[in-house]
Amino acid sequence: MSNTSKKHQRIVQITDTHVVDDYTKSVLSWDPQEALSTVLTSINSLPVTPSLILATGDLVHDGSVESYSALKSTLTRQGLPVFVLPGNHDSVQNISSSLISEKISMIECLEVENSNWAVIFINTKVPHEEHGAVTQENLDQLSETYDSLQGKHCLIAMHHSLTPECLAPACQLQGSEGFLDFLSQHSNIRAVISGHTHCQTESEHEGIKLLTTPSTLFHVTHSQKLPSIDNSEFMKFHEFDGNRKGYRILDLFEDGSIESQVCWA
């Protein structure tokens, strides 16, 4: 019997939506609201309906109340519950005041209904910086949450990637080695999902899936092959494609296995 014929919960990850109230007044070349609506239409047409959406940061482009209000309108229309976390472009304060609603939540842990699964959210945002970090405080909270779940299978969601395709300083995750050590010591963690680099990466760390998901707005190809010490040539090593916008399906099975694929809208 194939895994897909067994009981499972389907959830969807979207990331790096970069919504702005008026994109024509920003540096963006494409309309984030239109792109997100296209992705949500694709999600709503899936043959197996997801139970929820995870939105993993850079929810808006400028952190403004107006942009979160615009995003709220779009997300609320699609009907599924949405669980969000901040990215480097976000304002936690303005998420709380202008995005959270009955259908849109920002929490530390979600126990997925009708399953033996939980999603733990980590805030990797560093104030006034583009790079991310997993701090000792993050790890202490993660350990406490993990222990409270009493053996449930765990999916960890965060914005910055453990395996960034980009080598620029802005795309790095500080504290990644300590986080990987933590993962190795906790057997019920099955996968880590993230965004930030606007592209798809898939790898493993001691059997734990490390998955980075493309943006709903534009895809980025990274051509920088050597690490640098600053971001001065950031744009030189990035190619942007507004015709490729994606999201990730995650099927969570009762035995702790995961089947995942990136879909392009």
Protein backbone atom coordinates (compact mmCIF):
# COMPACT_ATOMS: atom_id res chain seq x y z
CA MET A 1 0.00 0.00 0.00
CA SER A 2 1.41 3.41 -0.96
CA ASN A 3 1.74 6.12 1.66
CA THR A 4 -0.75 8.36 -0.12
CA SER A 5 -3.51 5.80 0.43
CA LYS A 6 -2.93 5.88 4.21
CA LYS A 7 -4.52 8.32 6.64
CA HIS A 8 -2.70 11.65 6.64
CA GLN A 9 -3.10 15.37 7.18
CA ARG A 10 -2.30 17.70 4.29
CA ILE A 11 -1.01 21.16 5.05
CA VAL A 12 0.46 23.80 2.74
CA GLN A 13 3.36 26.21 3.18
CA ILE A 14 3.50 29.60 1.49
CA THR A 15 6.35 32.01 2.08
CA ASP A 16 7.83 35.39 1.12
CA THR A 17 4.54 36.87 -0.05
CA HIS A 18 5.97 40.44 0.22
CA VAL A 19 2.57 42.11 0.03
CA VAL A 20 2.49 45.91 -0.11
CA ASP A 21 -0.53 48.18 -0.04
CA ASP A 22 0.51 49.76 -3.36
CA TYR A 23 3.30 47.86 -5.10
CA THR A 24 3.67 50.55 -7.80
CA LYS A 25 5.16 52.82 -5.12
CA SER A 26 7.68 50.17 -4.04
CA VAL A 27 10.77 48.63 -5.62
CA LEU A 28 8.84 45.50 -6.59
CA SER A 29 8.36 44.75 -10.28
CA TRP A 30 5.38 42.42 -9.81
CA ASP A 31 2.08 42.70 -7.96
CA PRO A 32 2.34 40.60 -4.78
CA GLN A 33 -1.43 40.52 -4.23
CA GLU A 34 -2.11 39.22 -7.70
CA ALA A 35 0.67 36.63 -7.39
CA LEU A 36 -0.61 35.46 -3.99
CA SER A 37 -4.17 35.23 -5.30
CA THR A 38 -2.92 33.01 -8.14
CA VAL A 39 -1.17 30.73 -5.65
CA LEU A 40 -4.21 30.56 -3.36
CA THR A 41 -6.43 29.65 -6.32
CA SER A 42 -4.05 26.80 -7.11
CA ILE A 43 -4.13 25.64 -3.47
CA ASN A 44 -7.92 25.71 -3.39
CA SER A 45 -8.07 23.56 -6.53
CA LEU A 46 -5.91 20.73 -5.12
CA PRO A 47 -7.64 17.32 -5.32
CA VAL A 48 -6.97 16.80 -1.59
CA THR A 49 -7.97 19.90 0.37
CA PRO A 50 -5.38 21.06 2.92
CA SER A 51 -6.48 21.58 6.50
CA LEU A 52 -4.41 24.75 6.98
CA ILE A 53 -1.77 27.06 5.53
CA LEU A 54 1.58 27.94 7.10
CA ALA A 55 2.95 31.34 6.01
CA THR A 56 6.64 31.44 6.90
CA GLY A 57 7.68 35.06 6.92
CA ASP A 58 8.29 38.13 4.81
CA LEU A 59 4.53 38.34 4.86
CA VAL A 60 4.69 41.95 3.70
CA HIS A 61 7.47 43.95 2.10
CA ASP A 62 7.56 47.05 4.27
CA GLY A 63 6.21 46.04 7.68
CA SER A 64 3.43 48.62 7.50
CA VAL A 65 -0.07 48.46 8.98
CA GLU A 66 -1.51 49.19 5.53
CA SER A 67 0.30 46.24 3.94
CA TYR A 68 -0.82 43.82 6.68
CA SER A 69 -4.40 45.01 6.21
CA ALA A 70 -4.13 44.29 2.49
CA LEU A 71 -2.68 40.84 3.16
CA LYS A 72 -5.39 40.12 5.73
CA SER A 73 -8.08 40.82 3.15
CA THR A 74 -6.54 38.37 0.66
CA LEU A 75 -5.86 35.59 3.16
CA THR A 76 -9.28 35.83 4.77
CA ARG A 77 -11.07 35.40 1.43
CA GLN A 78 -9.50 31.99 0.74
CA GLY A 79 -11.19 30.32 3.72
CA LEU A 80 -8.51 28.08 5.24
CA PRO A 81 -6.95 28.88 8.63
CA VAL A 82 -3.52 30.48 8.30
CA PHE A 83 -0.67 30.37 10.81
CA VAL A 84 2.02 33.00 10.33
CA LEU A 85 5.49 33.81 11.60
CA PRO A 86 7.68 36.86 10.95
CA GLY A 87 10.54 37.27 8.50
CA ASN A 88 13.17 39.96 8.23
CA HIS A 89 10.78 42.32 6.37
CA ASP A 90 8.07 41.99 9.01
CA SER A 91 7.01 43.92 12.11
CA VAL A 92 5.83 41.63 14.89
CA GLN A 93 3.93 44.53 16.45
CA ASN A 94 2.05 45.31 13.23
CA ILE A 95 1.34 41.63 12.57
CA SER A 96 -0.35 41.51 15.96
CA SER A 97 -2.33 44.71 15.47
CA SER A 98 -3.30 44.49 11.79
CA LEU A 99 -3.10 40.90 10.51
CA ILE A 100 -4.21 38.54 13.27
CA SER A 101 -7.89 37.61 13.12
CA GLU A 102 -10.24 34.71 13.70
CA LYS A 103 -8.70 32.90 10.70
CA ILE A 104 -5.10 34.16 10.96
CA SER A 105 -2.94 33.25 13.98
CA MET A 106 0.62 33.75 15.23
CA ILE A 107 1.44 31.17 17.92
CA GLU A 108 4.42 29.20 19.21
CA CYS A 109 3.00 25.71 18.65
CA LEU A 110 0.12 24.17 16.73
CA GLU A 111 -1.13 20.68 17.49
CA VAL A 112 -2.63 19.53 14.19
CA GLU A 113 -6.18 18.30 14.64
CA ASN A 114 -6.95 14.61 14.08
CA SER A 115 -3.28 13.67 13.94
CA ASN A 116 -0.23 12.81 16.02
CA TRP A 117 1.59 15.90 14.69
CA ALA A 118 2.54 19.35 15.94
CA VAL A 119 4.08 22.37 14.22
CA ILE A 120 6.56 24.41 16.27
CA PHE A 121 7.24 27.96 15.09
CA ILE A 122 10.64 29.64 15.58
CA ASN A 123 11.10 33.39 15.16
CA THR A 124 14.50 33.80 13.45
CA LYS A 125 14.10 37.55 12.85
CA VAL A 126 17.01 39.73 13.98
CA PRO A 127 15.89 43.35 14.53
CA HIS A 128 17.04 45.71 11.75
CA GLU A 129 18.95 42.93 9.94
CA GLU A 130 18.27 40.73 6.91
CA HIS A 131 20.05 37.62 8.17
CA GLY A 132 18.43 35.37 10.76
CA ALA A 133 19.48 33.71 14.00
CA VAL A 134 18.54 30.81 16.23
CA THR A 135 19.47 31.92 19.75
CA GLN A 136 19.89 29.99 22.98
CA GLU A 137 16.56 31.48 24.04
CA ASN A 138 14.99 29.96 20.90
CA LEU A 139 16.50 26.57 21.73
CA ASP A 140 15.36 26.70 25.36
CA GLN A 141 11.80 27.51 24.30
CA LEU A 142 11.93 24.85 21.60
CA SER A 143 13.07 22.24 24.12
CA GLU A 144 10.28 23.15 26.52
CA THR A 145 7.66 22.99 23.79
CA TYR A 146 9.01 19.71 22.42
CA ASP A 147 8.88 18.08 25.85
CA SER A 148 5.27 19.20 26.35
CA LEU A 149 4.14 17.41 23.19
CA GLN A 150 4.66 13.96 24.74
CA GLY A 151 6.03 12.14 21.74
CA LYS A 152 4.10 13.75 18.90
CA HIS A 153 5.83 13.99 15.53
CA CYS A 154 7.14 17.54 15.04
CA LEU A 155 7.47 19.84 12.05
CA ILE A 156 9.48 23.01 12.70
CA ALA A 157 8.62 26.14 10.72
CA MET A 158 10.81 29.24 10.48
CA HIS A 159 11.73 31.95 7.98
CA HIS A 160 15.49 31.71 7.44
CA SER A 161 16.88 28.53 5.92
CA LEU A 162 19.32 26.08 7.47
CA THR A 163 20.58 25.29 3.95
CA PRO A 164 20.56 28.62 2.10
CA GLU A 165 21.24 28.49 -1.60
CA CYS A 166 22.57 32.04 -1.36
CA LEU A 167 26.02 32.72 0.13
CA ALA A 168 25.48 36.43 0.79
CA PRO A 169 25.54 37.48 4.47
CA ALA A 170 21.90 38.64 4.24
CA CYS A 171 20.74 35.09 3.58
CA GLN A 172 22.54 33.32 6.42
CA LEU A 173 21.17 31.82 9.64
CA GLN A 174 23.41 32.46 12.62
CA GLY A 175 23.38 29.74 15.27
CA SER A 176 22.66 27.04 12.70
CA GLU A 177 25.27 24.61 14.07
CA GLY A 178 23.72 24.65 17.54
CA PHE A 179 20.29 24.19 16.00
CA LEU A 180 21.45 21.21 13.96
CA ASP A 181 22.90 19.68 17.13
CA PHE A 182 19.52 20.17 18.81
CA LEU A 183 17.75 18.43 15.93
CA SER A 184 20.11 15.47 16.18
CA GLN A 185 19.18 14.96 19.83
CA HIS A 186 15.38 14.98 19.40
CA SER A 187 14.09 11.95 17.58
CA ASN A 188 10.51 13.08 16.91
CA ILE A 189 11.48 16.10 14.82
CA ARG A 190 10.75 15.01 11.26
CA ALA A 191 11.30 18.12 9.14
CA VAL A 192 12.22 21.81 9.15
CA ILE A 193 10.55 24.12 6.61
CA SER A 194 11.66 27.65 5.76
CA GLY A 195 11.75 30.33 3.07
CA HIS A 196 13.80 33.54 2.66
CA THR A 197 15.93 32.55 -0.34
CA HIS A 198 12.97 32.42 -2.78
CA CYS A 199 13.97 29.04 -4.19
CA GLN A 200 13.53 25.33 -3.58
CA THR A 201 16.11 23.34 -1.62
CA GLU A 202 15.69 19.83 -0.23
CA SER A 203 18.24 18.02 1.91
CA GLU A 204 18.46 15.95 5.09
CA HIS A 205 20.26 16.09 8.42
CA GLU A 206 20.42 12.70 10.13
CA GLY A 207 17.10 11.68 8.57
CA ILE A 208 15.37 15.02 9.23
CA LYS A 209 14.11 16.75 6.08
CA LEU A 210 15.38 20.32 5.56
CA LEU A 211 13.03 21.99 3.08
CA THR A 212 13.14 25.52 1.66
CA THR A 213 10.16 26.71 -0.35
CA PRO A 214 9.94 29.21 -3.23
CA SER A 215 8.25 32.58 -2.86
CA THR A 216 4.67 33.20 -3.97
CA LEU A 217 5.93 36.36 -5.70
CA PHE A 218 9.07 35.57 -7.69
CA HIS A 219 11.73 32.89 -7.96
CA VAL A 220 15.40 33.70 -7.39
CA THR A 221 18.38 31.94 -8.96
CA HIS A 222 21.57 32.42 -6.95
CA SER A 223 24.86 32.50 -8.83
CA GLN A 224 27.20 33.54 -6.01
CA LYS A 225 29.58 30.62 -5.48
CA LEU A 226 31.92 32.01 -2.83
CA PRO A 227 31.00 33.52 0.56
CA SER A 228 31.40 37.27 0.95
CA ILE A 229 31.76 39.50 3.99
CA ASP A 230 29.19 42.12 2.96
CA ASN A 231 26.07 42.60 0.83
CA SER A 232 27.45 45.24 -1.52
CA GLU A 233 27.13 43.04 -4.61
CA PHE A 234 23.95 41.28 -3.51
CA MET A 235 21.92 42.10 -6.63
CA LYS A 236 24.74 41.07 -8.96
CA PHE A 237 24.37 37.42 -7.96
CA HIS A 238 20.57 37.18 -8.06
CA GLU A 239 18.28 36.57 -11.03
CA PHE A 240 14.56 37.29 -10.45
CA ASP A 241 11.75 35.51 -12.32
CA GLY A 242 8.20 36.74 -11.75
CA ASN A 243 6.79 33.93 -13.89
CA ARG A 244 7.71 31.29 -11.28
CA LYS A 245 5.79 31.39 -8.02
CA GLY A 246 5.36 28.38 -5.82
CA TYR A 247 4.18 26.75 -2.62
CA ARG A 248 4.81 23.46 -0.83
CA ILE A 249 2.43 20.61 -0.06
CA LEU A 250 3.21 18.56 3.06
CA ASP A 251 1.39 15.29 3.71
CA LEU A 252 1.92 14.22 7.32
CA PHE A 253 1.41 10.52 8.08
CA GLU A 254 0.64 8.86 11.39
CA ASP A 255 3.90 6.88 11.33
CA GLY A 256 5.93 10.12 11.26
CA SER A 257 6.76 10.04 7.57
CA ILE A 258 6.28 13.04 5.29
CA GLU A 259 5.63 13.33 1.59
CA SER A 260 6.29 16.77 0.16
CA GLN A 261 6.33 18.51 -3.18
CA VAL A 262 6.66 22.03 -4.50
CA CYS A 263 3.86 23.19 -6.81
CA TRP A 264 4.17 26.06 -9.27
CA ALA A 265 1.24 28.36 -9.84
